[in-house]
Amino acid sequence: MKCLAIIWAVILCVLLSASLAGADSVAAVNDSSGKSELNATLLDFGSAGQQTAQDWCNKSDLLLNSSKCNESIEACNMAIKLNQSYAMAWSYRGSALFNLSLYNESLECYNKSIELDSKLALPWKGKGAVFGRRSQYDDAIKSYDEAIRLDPKFAKAWAGKGFALYLLGKYDDAIKSYDEAIRLDPKFAKAWTGKGLVFYDQGKYEDALKAYDKATGLNPYNAANTWNIKGFAFYNQGKYDDADKALDKAIELDPNLTGVWQIKGRALAALGKTTEANAAFAKARELGFTD
């Protein structure tokens, strides 16, 4: 059981990064074709030259969603140089710093953004993410609530609140928040994953699996962790063959997920496939897993 708790803690750590992430953008990318369009847009920016603070802020937004955080910060700095009162630039800068795990600096930027524009919801959502990463879940919920007050249709704020509530063990309230996020954005895959996570901890494995299926269907390009959780759920139901198949999907998408190999070994061992199980355990150790 201790081993399973460790694996679940690893999964939660990854989900924390996904559900409480700081970046919010109109330029979010889910697949390879979208990334190609994004790169083309960045080239257009480079060739045309930035003339206004908004141009630089738009470029920062695109860079942030291409995981180019340092470049995103540089673009924000240019926007702020041109207009120190541009609240959105400070907010995007906070998001980029958050993604670099520079939480104090990120919070300072979000606070500056709020100081400049008290009606902007985005930095309040960002503050919620910072507080969540610090395990200050009550403060995270207060920040998400303020973001929602300012923009009741902000699905990511509802989802962030749902994850913070989940981590406080307030499962029913977490489900309500995730349901609202899904109502506002039915294609929001991470909200479905979060809802499945709550169901899983409630022991509602079938409901959890349905939610995970919905998440993977909506975003198959970023589904490794969802397949990982599905495998974990199947394993705890004693469906070891289904667990093995789900974990194989996770490994296909991301072979370096440590917990996947460990739980795959356990599923294979339960199926009597000792040689394959030992190979999976060896892979988990190679990737750094320890009991």
Protein backbone atom coordinates (compact mmCIF):
# COMPACT_ATOMS: atom_id res chain seq x y z
CA MET A 1 0.00 0.00 0.00
CA LYS A 2 2.91 2.36 0.74
CA CYS A 3 4.15 1.83 -2.82
CA LEU A 4 0.72 2.67 -4.25
CA ALA A 5 0.56 5.81 -2.12
CA ILE A 6 3.92 6.92 -3.50
CA ILE A 7 2.79 6.33 -7.09
CA TRP A 8 -0.42 8.26 -6.47
CA ALA A 9 1.58 11.12 -4.96
CA VAL A 10 3.69 11.26 -8.15
CA ILE A 11 0.56 11.39 -10.30
CA LEU A 12 -0.92 14.14 -8.12
CA CYS A 13 2.28 16.16 -8.43
CA VAL A 14 1.98 16.08 -12.22
CA LEU A 15 -1.71 16.94 -12.10
CA LEU A 16 -0.98 19.83 -9.77
CA SER A 17 1.27 21.29 -12.45
CA ALA A 18 -1.43 20.81 -15.10
CA SER A 19 -4.48 21.98 -13.18
CA LEU A 20 -2.94 24.95 -11.39
CA ALA A 21 -0.74 26.12 -14.25
CA GLY A 22 -0.36 29.86 -14.58
CA ALA A 23 -0.61 30.31 -18.32
CA ASP A 24 -3.92 31.33 -19.85
CA SER A 25 -4.07 32.26 -23.47
CA VAL A 26 -6.15 32.62 -26.56
CA ALA A 27 -3.31 30.90 -28.38
CA ALA A 28 -3.35 27.56 -26.59
CA VAL A 29 -2.06 24.70 -28.75
CA ASN A 30 -3.22 21.08 -28.59
CA ASP A 31 -1.75 19.39 -31.64
CA SER A 32 1.11 19.46 -34.09
CA SER A 33 -0.79 21.38 -36.76
CA GLY A 34 -1.60 24.06 -34.20
CA LYS A 35 2.07 24.30 -33.28
CA SER A 36 2.94 24.82 -36.95
CA GLU A 37 0.42 27.65 -37.17
CA LEU A 38 1.84 29.11 -33.96
CA ASN A 39 5.40 29.07 -35.32
CA ALA A 40 4.22 30.73 -38.52
CA THR A 41 2.51 33.43 -36.48
CA LEU A 42 5.70 34.05 -34.51
CA LEU A 43 7.60 34.43 -37.77
CA ASP A 44 5.04 36.97 -38.92
CA PHE A 45 5.60 38.93 -35.72
CA GLY A 46 9.34 38.84 -36.26
CA SER A 47 9.17 40.02 -39.85
CA ALA A 48 6.61 42.74 -39.27
CA GLY A 49 8.30 44.19 -36.20
CA GLN A 50 6.49 45.15 -33.00
CA GLN A 51 5.23 48.72 -32.85
CA THR A 52 3.03 48.73 -29.76
CA ALA A 53 2.92 47.28 -26.27
CA GLN A 54 -0.03 45.14 -27.33
CA ASP A 55 2.00 43.64 -30.18
CA TRP A 56 4.71 42.58 -27.74
CA CYS A 57 2.09 41.26 -25.32
CA ASN A 58 0.52 39.18 -28.09
CA LYS A 59 3.94 37.77 -28.96
CA SER A 60 4.54 36.97 -25.27
CA ASP A 61 1.23 35.12 -25.20
CA LEU A 62 2.20 33.00 -28.21
CA LEU A 63 5.67 32.27 -26.84
CA LEU A 64 4.23 31.26 -23.48
CA ASN A 65 2.03 28.67 -25.14
CA SER A 66 5.01 27.39 -27.09
CA SER A 67 6.79 26.76 -23.73
CA LYS A 68 9.31 29.50 -24.51
CA CYS A 69 9.02 31.14 -21.11
CA ASN A 70 12.24 33.16 -21.13
CA GLU A 71 11.44 34.59 -24.55
CA SER A 72 7.90 35.31 -23.34
CA ILE A 73 9.31 37.30 -20.41
CA GLU A 74 11.53 39.28 -22.78
CA ALA A 75 8.50 40.15 -24.90
CA CYS A 76 6.59 41.21 -21.78
CA ASN A 77 9.53 43.38 -20.75
CA MET A 78 9.36 45.13 -24.13
CA ALA A 79 5.61 45.68 -23.71
CA ILE A 80 6.13 47.07 -20.22
CA LYS A 81 8.97 49.29 -21.43
CA LEU A 82 6.57 50.84 -23.94
CA ASN A 83 3.67 51.01 -21.48
CA GLN A 84 4.39 50.43 -17.79
CA SER A 85 0.67 50.58 -17.04
CA TYR A 86 -0.26 47.67 -19.35
CA ALA A 87 -1.82 45.27 -16.85
CA MET A 88 -2.09 42.30 -19.21
CA ALA A 89 1.66 42.35 -19.89
CA TRP A 90 2.34 42.10 -16.17
CA SER A 91 -0.10 39.20 -15.93
CA TYR A 92 1.51 37.28 -18.82
CA ARG A 93 4.91 37.94 -17.26
CA GLY A 94 3.59 36.40 -14.05
CA SER A 95 2.43 33.33 -15.96
CA ALA A 96 5.82 32.84 -17.61
CA LEU A 97 7.59 33.21 -14.26
CA PHE A 98 5.14 30.73 -12.72
CA ASN A 99 6.00 28.18 -15.39
CA LEU A 100 9.68 28.67 -14.50
CA SER A 101 8.79 27.91 -10.83
CA LEU A 102 9.67 31.48 -9.82
CA TYR A 103 6.62 31.82 -7.62
CA ASN A 104 7.53 34.90 -5.57
CA GLU A 105 8.37 36.87 -8.70
CA SER A 106 5.22 35.55 -10.38
CA LEU A 107 3.05 36.71 -7.48
CA GLU A 108 4.63 40.17 -7.59
CA CYS A 109 3.69 40.47 -11.27
CA TYR A 110 0.12 39.34 -10.65
CA ASN A 111 -0.21 41.86 -7.82
CA LYS A 112 1.14 44.61 -10.09
CA SER A 113 -1.37 43.65 -12.78
CA ILE A 114 -4.23 43.85 -10.25
CA GLU A 115 -2.95 47.20 -9.00
CA LEU A 116 -3.09 48.55 -12.56
CA ASP A 117 -6.47 47.02 -13.48
CA SER A 118 -8.63 45.83 -10.60
CA LYS A 119 -11.26 44.48 -13.02
CA LEU A 120 -8.92 41.98 -14.72
CA ALA A 121 -9.73 38.37 -13.79
CA LEU A 122 -6.61 36.72 -15.24
CA PRO A 123 -4.09 37.76 -12.53
CA TRP A 124 -6.45 36.59 -9.80
CA LYS A 125 -6.52 33.18 -11.45
CA GLY A 126 -2.73 33.32 -11.59
CA LYS A 127 -2.54 34.14 -7.88
CA GLY A 128 -4.72 31.11 -7.22
CA ALA A 129 -2.19 28.97 -9.08
CA VAL A 130 0.71 30.36 -7.04
CA PHE A 131 -1.09 29.79 -3.74
CA GLY A 132 -2.00 26.29 -4.89
CA ARG A 133 1.62 25.47 -5.63
CA ARG A 134 2.50 26.71 -2.12
CA SER A 135 -0.20 24.40 -0.66
CA GLN A 136 -2.09 27.49 0.55
CA TYR A 137 -5.37 26.10 -0.72
CA ASP A 138 -7.71 28.40 1.21
CA ASP A 139 -5.92 31.43 -0.24
CA ALA A 140 -6.01 29.77 -3.66
CA ILE A 141 -9.79 29.38 -3.44
CA LYS A 142 -10.21 33.03 -2.41
CA SER A 143 -8.20 34.11 -5.44
CA TYR A 144 -10.15 31.86 -7.79
CA ASP A 145 -13.40 33.18 -6.31
CA GLU A 146 -12.31 36.75 -7.06
CA ALA A 147 -11.43 35.75 -10.64
CA ILE A 148 -14.88 34.17 -10.95
CA ARG A 149 -16.57 37.24 -9.47
CA LEU A 150 -14.90 39.38 -12.11
CA ASP A 151 -15.53 36.88 -14.91
CA PRO A 152 -18.18 34.25 -14.05
CA LYS A 153 -17.52 32.52 -17.39
CA PHE A 154 -13.80 31.94 -16.67
CA ALA A 155 -13.74 28.13 -16.98
CA LYS A 156 -10.08 27.78 -15.97
CA ALA A 157 -10.73 29.63 -12.73
CA TRP A 158 -13.59 27.25 -11.93
CA ALA A 159 -11.32 24.27 -12.68
CA GLY A 160 -8.49 25.67 -10.55
CA LYS A 161 -10.92 26.15 -7.69
CA GLY A 162 -12.12 22.58 -8.19
CA PHE A 163 -8.60 21.19 -7.83
CA ALA A 164 -7.90 23.27 -4.70
CA LEU A 165 -11.17 22.04 -3.17
CA TYR A 166 -10.21 18.47 -4.07
CA LEU A 167 -6.87 18.84 -2.30
CA LEU A 168 -8.75 20.06 0.80
CA GLY A 169 -10.90 16.92 0.66
CA LYS A 170 -14.05 18.90 -0.21
CA TYR A 171 -15.08 16.48 -2.91
CA ASP A 172 -18.72 17.51 -3.44
CA ASP A 173 -17.76 21.18 -3.79
CA ALA A 174 -14.91 20.20 -6.12
CA ILE A 175 -17.34 18.33 -8.38
CA LYS A 176 -19.61 21.38 -8.50
CA SER A 177 -16.69 23.59 -9.57
CA TYR A 178 -15.58 21.13 -12.25
CA ASP A 179 -19.15 20.78 -13.50
CA GLU A 180 -19.37 24.56 -13.89
CA ALA A 181 -16.06 24.62 -15.76
CA ILE A 182 -17.37 21.90 -18.08
CA ARG A 183 -20.71 23.67 -18.55
CA LEU A 184 -18.84 26.79 -19.62
CA ASP A 185 -16.37 24.87 -21.80
CA PRO A 186 -17.52 21.30 -22.60
CA LYS A 187 -14.25 20.66 -24.47
CA PHE A 188 -12.06 21.53 -21.47
CA ALA A 189 -10.18 18.22 -21.12
CA LYS A 190 -8.38 19.09 -17.89
CA ALA A 191 -11.69 19.77 -16.14
CA TRP A 192 -12.85 16.27 -17.08
CA THR A 193 -9.56 14.83 -15.79
CA GLY A 194 -9.97 16.73 -12.51
CA LYS A 195 -13.54 15.50 -12.14
CA GLY A 196 -12.32 11.95 -12.71
CA LEU A 197 -9.70 12.46 -10.02
CA VAL A 198 -12.38 13.39 -7.48
CA PHE A 199 -14.50 10.39 -8.43
CA TYR A 200 -11.44 8.17 -8.08
CA ASP A 201 -10.77 9.30 -4.52
CA GLN A 202 -14.44 8.81 -3.71
CA GLY A 203 -14.11 5.20 -4.85
CA LYS A 204 -16.46 5.84 -7.79
CA TYR A 205 -14.17 4.10 -10.26
CA GLU A 206 -16.68 3.66 -13.09
CA ASP A 207 -17.58 7.36 -12.97
CA ALA A 208 -13.88 8.19 -12.85
CA LEU A 209 -13.16 6.06 -15.92
CA LYS A 210 -15.99 7.74 -17.86
CA ALA A 211 -14.54 11.15 -17.03
CA TYR A 212 -11.03 10.03 -18.07
CA ASP A 213 -12.43 8.66 -21.35
CA LYS A 214 -14.02 12.02 -22.02
CA ALA A 215 -10.72 13.81 -21.29
CA THR A 216 -8.67 11.59 -23.60
CA GLY A 217 -11.27 11.90 -26.34
CA LEU A 218 -11.12 15.68 -26.15
CA ASN A 219 -7.33 15.95 -26.03
CA PRO A 220 -5.54 12.79 -27.18
CA TYR A 221 -2.32 14.74 -27.72
CA ASN A 222 -1.86 15.42 -24.02
CA ALA A 223 -3.35 12.28 -22.53
CA ALA A 224 -0.41 10.37 -21.00
CA ASN A 225 -1.32 11.25 -17.44
CA THR A 226 -5.00 10.53 -18.03
CA TRP A 227 -4.15 7.04 -19.29
CA ASN A 228 -1.87 6.68 -16.27
CA ILE A 229 -4.74 7.46 -13.90
CA LYS A 230 -7.06 5.14 -15.84
CA GLY A 231 -4.54 2.34 -15.42
CA PHE A 232 -4.37 3.05 -11.70
CA ALA A 233 -8.18 2.95 -11.45
CA PHE A 234 -8.39 -0.35 -13.35
CA TYR A 235 -5.68 -1.80 -11.11
CA ASN A 236 -7.58 -0.89 -7.94
CA GLN A 237 -10.68 -2.55 -9.40
CA GLY A 238 -8.73 -5.75 -9.96
CA LYS A 239 -9.00 -5.34 -13.76
CA TYR A 240 -5.33 -6.07 -14.31
CA ASP A 241 -5.49 -6.73 -18.05
CA ASP A 242 -7.35 -3.44 -18.64
CA ALA A 243 -4.83 -1.72 -16.36
CA ASP A 244 -1.93 -3.07 -18.40
CA LYS A 245 -3.49 -1.87 -21.67
CA ALA A 246 -4.20 1.62 -20.29
CA LEU A 247 -0.67 1.91 -18.92
CA ASP A 248 0.74 0.84 -22.29
CA LYS A 249 -1.13 3.79 -23.81
CA ALA A 250 0.44 6.11 -21.22
CA ILE A 251 3.89 4.70 -21.94
CA GLU A 252 3.38 5.09 -25.69
CA LEU A 253 2.70 8.80 -25.12
CA ASP A 254 5.36 9.36 -22.46
CA PRO A 255 7.75 6.46 -21.71
CA ASN A 256 9.40 8.39 -18.88
CA LEU A 257 6.43 8.46 -16.51
CA THR A 258 7.98 6.66 -13.55
CA GLY A 259 4.81 5.61 -11.74
CA VAL A 260 3.41 3.99 -14.89
CA TRP A 261 6.15 1.37 -14.99
CA GLN A 262 5.77 0.51 -11.31
CA ILE A 263 2.02 0.00 -11.43
CA LYS A 264 2.39 -1.83 -14.76
CA GLY A 265 4.76 -4.23 -13.01
CA ARG A 266 2.18 -4.83 -10.30
CA ALA A 267 -0.57 -5.45 -12.85
CA LEU A 268 1.63 -7.89 -14.79
CA ALA A 269 2.60 -9.67 -11.58
CA ALA A 270 -1.09 -10.08 -10.71
CA LEU A 271 -1.60 -11.59 -14.19
CA GLY A 272 1.18 -14.10 -13.49
CA LYS A 273 3.53 -12.54 -16.04
CA THR A 274 6.55 -12.54 -13.77
CA THR A 275 9.28 -11.93 -16.34
CA GLU A 276 7.46 -8.96 -17.87
CA ALA A 277 6.63 -7.63 -14.40
CA ASN A 278 10.28 -7.72 -13.34
CA ALA A 279 11.25 -5.88 -16.52
CA ALA A 280 8.68 -3.16 -15.73
CA PHE A 281 9.95 -2.85 -12.14
CA ALA A 282 13.51 -2.57 -13.47
CA LYS A 283 12.43 0.23 -15.82
CA ALA A 284 10.77 2.07 -12.94
CA ARG A 285 13.99 1.85 -10.91
CA GLU A 286 16.00 3.02 -13.92
CA LEU A 287 13.79 6.11 -14.07
CA GLY A 288 14.37 6.77 -10.39
CA PHE A 289 11.38 5.17 -8.66
CA THR A 290 12.04 4.01 -5.09
CA ASP A 291 9.64 2.39 -2.62
